[in-house]
Amino acid sequence: MDLTEAEDIKKRWQEYTEELYKKDLHDPGNHGVITHLEPDILECAVKWALESITKNKASGGDGIPVELFQILKDDAVKVLHSICQKIWKTQHWPQDWKRSVFIPIPKKGNAKECSSYHPIALISHTSKVMLKILQARLQQYVSCELPDVQAGFRKGRGTRDQIANIHWITEKGRKFQKNFYFCFIDYAKAFDCVDHNKLWKILKEMGIPDHLTCLLRNLYAGQEATVRTGHGTEDWFKIGKGVCHSCVLSSRLFNLHAEYIMRKAGLDEA
């Protein structure tokens, strides 16, 4: 049935998105406090994170533009350092930093179907400072766990490398008259289907420090979202699964999740 009324369209978008991220058993609230902490956050790390945030981007649910921090300069760094250090020690995140505003962007297909749209998520610019710092702390562990053949979301690697590998394998196979097989897998709604509880177990198994894992668990516990269209927004709803599309941590977390699957399938030895 085609919807024409603004309220009906808004309601339909909320129903679709809420169903997409719903999970029957939600992870409970905050998971306590880890007392054995990683080294404190330095002011220079906050300054670096702030300067690395892309400018001229839409604000998240709190409505604070990143340009405000540029104007405040060192004062902003000091305030953000205090906030980030408090989160680092308590592992408790402000609720505004757990909220995402989804904007549906049309893809190919029937424009009257919600599934024909790709949602981008607007998150708080303030939260991006802490997320950048957390990303940098995680990177050393992620790099050690991912094999060289994993090129997705990794600096200095990309599709061209994998295409070159396919050409090389094909040439060698023909030269030695060997059969070779390629398997292409398209993960439908890949980022949206990551199970949180399984993800935390994977991080532990891969040697991610408990402090960093606790920060991630408490970030994802109690996450909320709303959908913004040309007709306005609806109420906030709970997020029960998936990794946030606009979060710098998401690609790393997804890569670790995918690598774990490959190992369990024995494909890391292929």
Protein backbone atom coordinates (compact mmCIF):
# COMPACT_ATOMS: atom_id res chain seq x y z
CA MET A 1 0.00 0.00 0.00
CA ASP A 2 1.35 3.41 -1.00
CA LEU A 3 1.63 5.90 1.86
CA THR A 4 0.97 9.58 1.23
CA GLU A 5 0.38 11.13 4.66
CA ALA A 6 3.46 12.49 6.46
CA GLU A 7 2.64 10.79 9.76
CA ASP A 8 2.11 7.42 8.07
CA ILE A 9 5.44 7.71 6.24
CA LYS A 10 7.31 8.63 9.44
CA LYS A 11 5.68 5.77 11.31
CA ARG A 12 6.54 3.28 8.56
CA TRP A 13 10.21 4.33 8.60
CA GLN A 14 10.37 3.92 12.35
CA GLU A 15 8.74 0.47 12.20
CA TYR A 16 11.15 -0.70 9.48
CA THR A 17 14.31 0.61 11.16
CA GLU A 18 13.28 -0.55 14.63
CA GLU A 19 12.64 -4.05 13.28
CA LEU A 20 16.02 -4.03 11.51
CA TYR A 21 17.95 -3.36 14.72
CA LYS A 22 15.70 -5.22 17.15
CA LYS A 23 16.91 -8.15 19.19
CA ASP A 24 14.73 -10.30 21.46
CA LEU A 25 17.20 -10.35 24.36
CA HIS A 26 18.73 -6.92 24.84
CA ASP A 27 22.10 -6.75 26.51
CA PRO A 28 21.54 -5.31 30.00
CA GLY A 29 22.80 -1.88 31.03
CA ASN A 30 26.31 -0.91 32.04
CA HIS A 31 28.64 -3.81 32.80
CA GLY A 32 30.43 -2.59 35.90
CA VAL A 33 33.78 -0.85 36.04
CA ILE A 34 37.16 -2.34 35.15
CA THR A 35 39.73 -1.31 37.75
CA HIS A 36 42.82 -2.31 35.76
CA LEU A 37 42.89 0.60 33.31
CA GLU A 38 44.88 1.31 30.19
CA PRO A 39 47.16 4.42 30.30
CA ASP A 40 45.34 7.74 30.74
CA ILE A 41 44.27 9.91 27.81
CA LEU A 42 46.64 12.81 27.15
CA GLU A 43 45.56 16.31 26.13
CA CYS A 44 47.60 16.03 22.94
CA ALA A 45 45.54 12.94 21.98
CA VAL A 46 42.32 14.95 22.38
CA LYS A 47 43.76 17.75 20.24
CA TRP A 48 44.79 15.26 17.54
CA ALA A 49 41.35 13.61 17.58
CA LEU A 50 39.57 16.96 17.36
CA GLU A 51 41.69 18.13 14.43
CA SER A 52 41.09 14.86 12.56
CA ILE A 53 37.29 15.17 12.59
CA THR A 54 35.93 16.03 9.14
CA LYS A 55 34.52 19.54 8.94
CA ASN A 56 31.27 20.76 7.34
CA LYS A 57 29.31 17.69 8.38
CA ALA A 58 25.76 17.54 9.74
CA SER A 59 25.43 17.45 13.52
CA GLY A 60 24.08 14.51 15.47
CA GLY A 61 21.21 14.44 17.93
CA ASP A 62 22.81 17.02 20.25
CA GLY A 63 22.96 19.61 17.45
CA ILE A 64 26.53 20.72 18.30
CA PRO A 65 28.58 21.53 15.16
CA VAL A 66 32.26 20.57 15.04
CA GLU A 67 33.10 24.14 13.98
CA LEU A 68 32.22 25.29 17.52
CA PHE A 69 35.25 23.44 18.85
CA GLN A 70 37.45 25.13 16.23
CA ILE A 71 36.39 28.52 17.52
CA LEU A 72 37.01 27.57 21.16
CA LYS A 73 40.42 26.04 20.31
CA ASP A 74 42.46 25.21 23.45
CA ASP A 75 39.48 25.79 25.75
CA ALA A 76 37.58 23.09 23.87
CA VAL A 77 40.53 20.71 24.15
CA LYS A 78 40.69 21.16 27.94
CA VAL A 79 36.95 20.59 28.41
CA LEU A 80 36.87 17.57 26.08
CA HIS A 81 39.95 16.11 27.74
CA SER A 82 38.22 16.29 31.12
CA ILE A 83 35.08 14.61 29.72
CA CYS A 84 37.01 11.88 27.88
CA GLN A 85 39.18 11.14 30.90
CA LYS A 86 36.08 10.79 33.09
CA ILE A 87 34.56 8.32 30.60
CA TRP A 88 37.89 6.48 30.45
CA LYS A 89 37.91 5.94 34.20
CA THR A 90 34.21 5.33 34.85
CA GLN A 91 33.44 3.58 31.52
CA HIS A 92 30.11 5.41 31.57
CA TRP A 93 29.02 7.26 28.40
CA PRO A 94 26.62 10.24 28.16
CA GLN A 95 23.30 9.14 26.69
CA ASP A 96 23.54 11.79 23.94
CA TRP A 97 26.68 10.03 22.73
CA LYS A 98 24.72 6.78 22.36
CA ARG A 99 22.14 8.29 20.02
CA SER A 100 22.09 8.13 16.22
CA VAL A 101 19.90 9.97 13.72
CA PHE A 102 19.32 7.82 10.63
CA ILE A 103 18.92 9.52 7.24
CA PRO A 104 17.60 7.19 4.48
CA ILE A 105 19.53 7.60 1.21
CA PRO A 106 17.93 6.03 -1.90
CA LYS A 107 19.71 3.20 -3.74
CA LYS A 108 18.65 1.27 -6.83
CA GLY A 109 15.27 -0.38 -6.66
CA ASN A 110 11.71 0.52 -5.79
CA ALA A 111 11.72 3.95 -4.12
CA LYS A 112 8.51 2.99 -2.29
CA GLU A 113 10.30 0.19 -0.40
CA CYS A 114 12.29 1.04 2.75
CA SER A 115 14.77 -1.72 1.91
CA SER A 116 15.76 0.23 -1.22
CA TYR A 117 17.38 2.90 0.95
CA HIS A 118 20.77 2.97 2.65
CA PRO A 119 20.67 4.61 6.10
CA ILE A 120 23.51 6.89 7.10
CA ALA A 121 23.81 7.69 10.81
CA LEU A 122 24.48 11.12 12.26
CA ILE A 123 26.22 10.90 15.63
CA SER A 124 27.43 13.51 18.09
CA HIS A 125 30.59 15.32 16.93
CA THR A 126 31.63 15.52 20.58
CA SER A 127 31.54 11.74 20.86
CA LYS A 128 33.80 11.40 17.81
CA VAL A 129 36.74 12.74 19.83
CA MET A 130 36.49 9.87 22.32
CA LEU A 131 35.79 7.36 19.53
CA LYS A 132 38.91 8.47 17.63
CA ILE A 133 41.03 7.98 20.74
CA LEU A 134 39.50 4.56 21.38
CA GLN A 135 40.11 3.64 17.74
CA ALA A 136 43.81 4.52 18.07
CA ARG A 137 44.11 2.39 21.22
CA LEU A 138 42.43 -0.57 19.50
CA GLN A 139 44.43 -0.32 16.29
CA GLN A 140 47.57 -2.06 17.57
CA TYR A 141 45.53 -5.10 18.63
CA VAL A 142 43.43 -5.16 15.45
CA SER A 143 46.53 -5.03 13.22
CA CYS A 144 48.03 -8.03 15.00
CA GLU A 145 44.88 -10.14 14.59
CA LEU A 146 44.02 -9.44 10.96
CA PRO A 147 45.90 -11.39 8.26
CA ASP A 148 47.54 -9.75 5.25
CA VAL A 149 44.82 -11.11 2.97
CA GLN A 150 42.20 -8.97 4.74
CA ALA A 151 42.12 -5.73 2.74
CA GLY A 152 38.74 -4.30 3.72
CA PHE A 153 38.73 -1.02 5.67
CA ARG A 154 42.53 -1.08 6.03
CA LYS A 155 44.87 1.78 5.24
CA GLY A 156 47.06 1.19 2.20
CA ARG A 157 44.97 -1.73 0.98
CA GLY A 158 41.92 -1.97 -1.20
CA THR A 159 39.98 -3.57 -4.03
CA ARG A 160 42.82 -3.13 -6.54
CA ASP A 161 45.08 -5.34 -4.42
CA GLN A 162 42.48 -8.10 -4.37
CA ILE A 163 41.86 -7.82 -8.12
CA ALA A 164 45.62 -8.15 -8.69
CA ASN A 165 45.64 -11.25 -6.47
CA ILE A 166 42.82 -12.81 -8.51
CA HIS A 167 44.74 -12.16 -11.74
CA TRP A 168 47.90 -13.69 -10.24
CA ILE A 169 46.06 -16.80 -8.99
CA THR A 170 44.32 -17.20 -12.37
CA GLU A 171 47.60 -16.98 -14.29
CA LYS A 172 49.31 -19.51 -12.01
CA GLY A 173 46.35 -21.88 -12.22
CA ARG A 174 46.39 -21.84 -16.00
CA LYS A 175 50.16 -22.16 -16.17
CA PHE A 176 50.16 -25.33 -14.07
CA GLN A 177 46.79 -26.53 -15.43
CA LYS A 178 45.18 -26.56 -12.00
CA ASN A 179 41.53 -26.09 -11.13
CA PHE A 180 40.77 -23.02 -9.04
CA TYR A 181 37.56 -21.79 -7.46
CA PHE A 182 36.41 -18.37 -6.29
CA CYS A 183 33.64 -17.80 -3.77
CA PHE A 184 32.03 -14.36 -3.63
CA ILE A 185 29.85 -13.61 -0.60
CA ASP A 186 27.62 -10.56 -0.36
CA TYR A 187 26.75 -9.88 3.29
CA ALA A 188 23.20 -8.47 3.31
CA LYS A 189 22.93 -5.67 5.91
CA ALA A 190 26.37 -6.73 7.16
CA PHE A 191 26.98 -3.96 9.70
CA ASP A 192 23.38 -4.20 10.92
CA CYS A 193 23.52 -7.90 11.81
CA VAL A 194 26.50 -8.02 14.20
CA ASP A 195 25.45 -9.65 17.48
CA HIS A 196 26.76 -7.58 20.40
CA ASN A 197 27.19 -10.40 22.91
CA LYS A 198 29.11 -12.51 20.41
CA LEU A 199 31.26 -9.50 19.53
CA TRP A 200 32.39 -9.01 23.14
CA LYS A 201 33.36 -12.69 23.36
CA ILE A 202 35.33 -12.36 20.13
CA LEU A 203 37.20 -9.31 21.44
CA LYS A 204 38.14 -11.18 24.61
CA GLU A 205 39.29 -14.23 22.65
CA MET A 206 41.42 -12.02 20.41
CA GLY A 207 43.20 -10.43 23.35
CA ILE A 208 41.57 -6.99 23.43
CA PRO A 209 42.14 -5.52 26.94
CA ASP A 210 39.14 -5.79 29.29
CA HIS A 211 39.15 -2.02 29.81
CA LEU A 212 38.67 -1.28 26.10
CA THR A 213 36.05 -4.02 25.75
CA CYS A 214 34.13 -2.64 28.74
CA LEU A 215 34.14 0.83 27.17
CA LEU A 216 32.70 -0.64 23.97
CA ARG A 217 30.08 -2.71 25.80
CA ASN A 218 28.87 0.28 27.77
CA LEU A 219 28.81 2.41 24.62
CA TYR A 220 26.53 -0.10 22.88
CA ALA A 221 24.35 -0.81 25.94
CA GLY A 222 21.25 1.38 25.77
CA GLN A 223 21.90 2.79 22.30
CA GLU A 224 19.00 4.68 20.73
CA ALA A 225 18.12 5.98 17.28
CA THR A 226 15.50 7.89 15.35
CA VAL A 227 14.81 8.29 11.62
CA ARG A 228 14.78 11.72 10.00
CA THR A 229 13.04 12.19 6.66
CA GLY A 230 11.63 15.17 4.81
CA HIS A 231 8.52 14.70 6.94
CA GLY A 232 10.33 15.06 10.28
CA THR A 233 11.44 12.56 12.94
CA GLU A 234 9.76 10.02 15.20
CA ASP A 235 10.47 8.95 18.80
CA TRP A 236 13.77 7.39 19.89
CA PHE A 237 13.88 3.59 19.84
CA LYS A 238 16.37 1.03 21.21
CA ILE A 239 19.18 -0.51 19.14
CA GLY A 240 19.69 -4.20 19.94
CA LYS A 241 22.28 -5.28 17.35
CA GLY A 242 24.64 -4.06 14.66
CA VAL A 243 27.56 -1.63 14.59
CA CYS A 244 26.98 2.06 13.90
CA HIS A 245 27.48 3.04 10.24
CA SER A 246 29.13 6.39 10.99
CA CYS A 247 31.35 5.33 13.90
CA VAL A 248 35.10 5.07 13.21
CA LEU A 249 35.21 1.92 15.34
CA SER A 250 32.65 -0.01 13.30
CA SER A 251 34.88 -1.15 10.45
CA ARG A 252 37.48 -2.46 12.94
CA LEU A 253 34.88 -4.30 14.97
CA PHE A 254 33.30 -5.77 11.84
CA ASN A 255 36.71 -6.91 10.55
CA LEU A 256 37.43 -8.71 13.82
CA HIS A 257 33.98 -10.33 13.69
CA ALA A 258 34.54 -11.45 10.08
CA GLU A 259 38.05 -12.74 10.86
CA TYR A 260 36.67 -14.81 13.73
CA ILE A 261 34.14 -16.41 11.35
CA MET A 262 36.91 -17.20 8.85
CA ARG A 263 38.99 -18.85 11.56
CA LYS A 264 36.10 -20.95 12.83
CA ALA A 265 35.37 -22.05 9.27
CA GLY A 266 39.02 -23.01 8.81
CA LEU A 267 39.38 -20.55 5.93
CA ASP A 268 42.41 -18.88 7.51
CA GLU A 269 44.32 -22.00 6.48
CA ALA A 270 43.02 -22.04 2.92
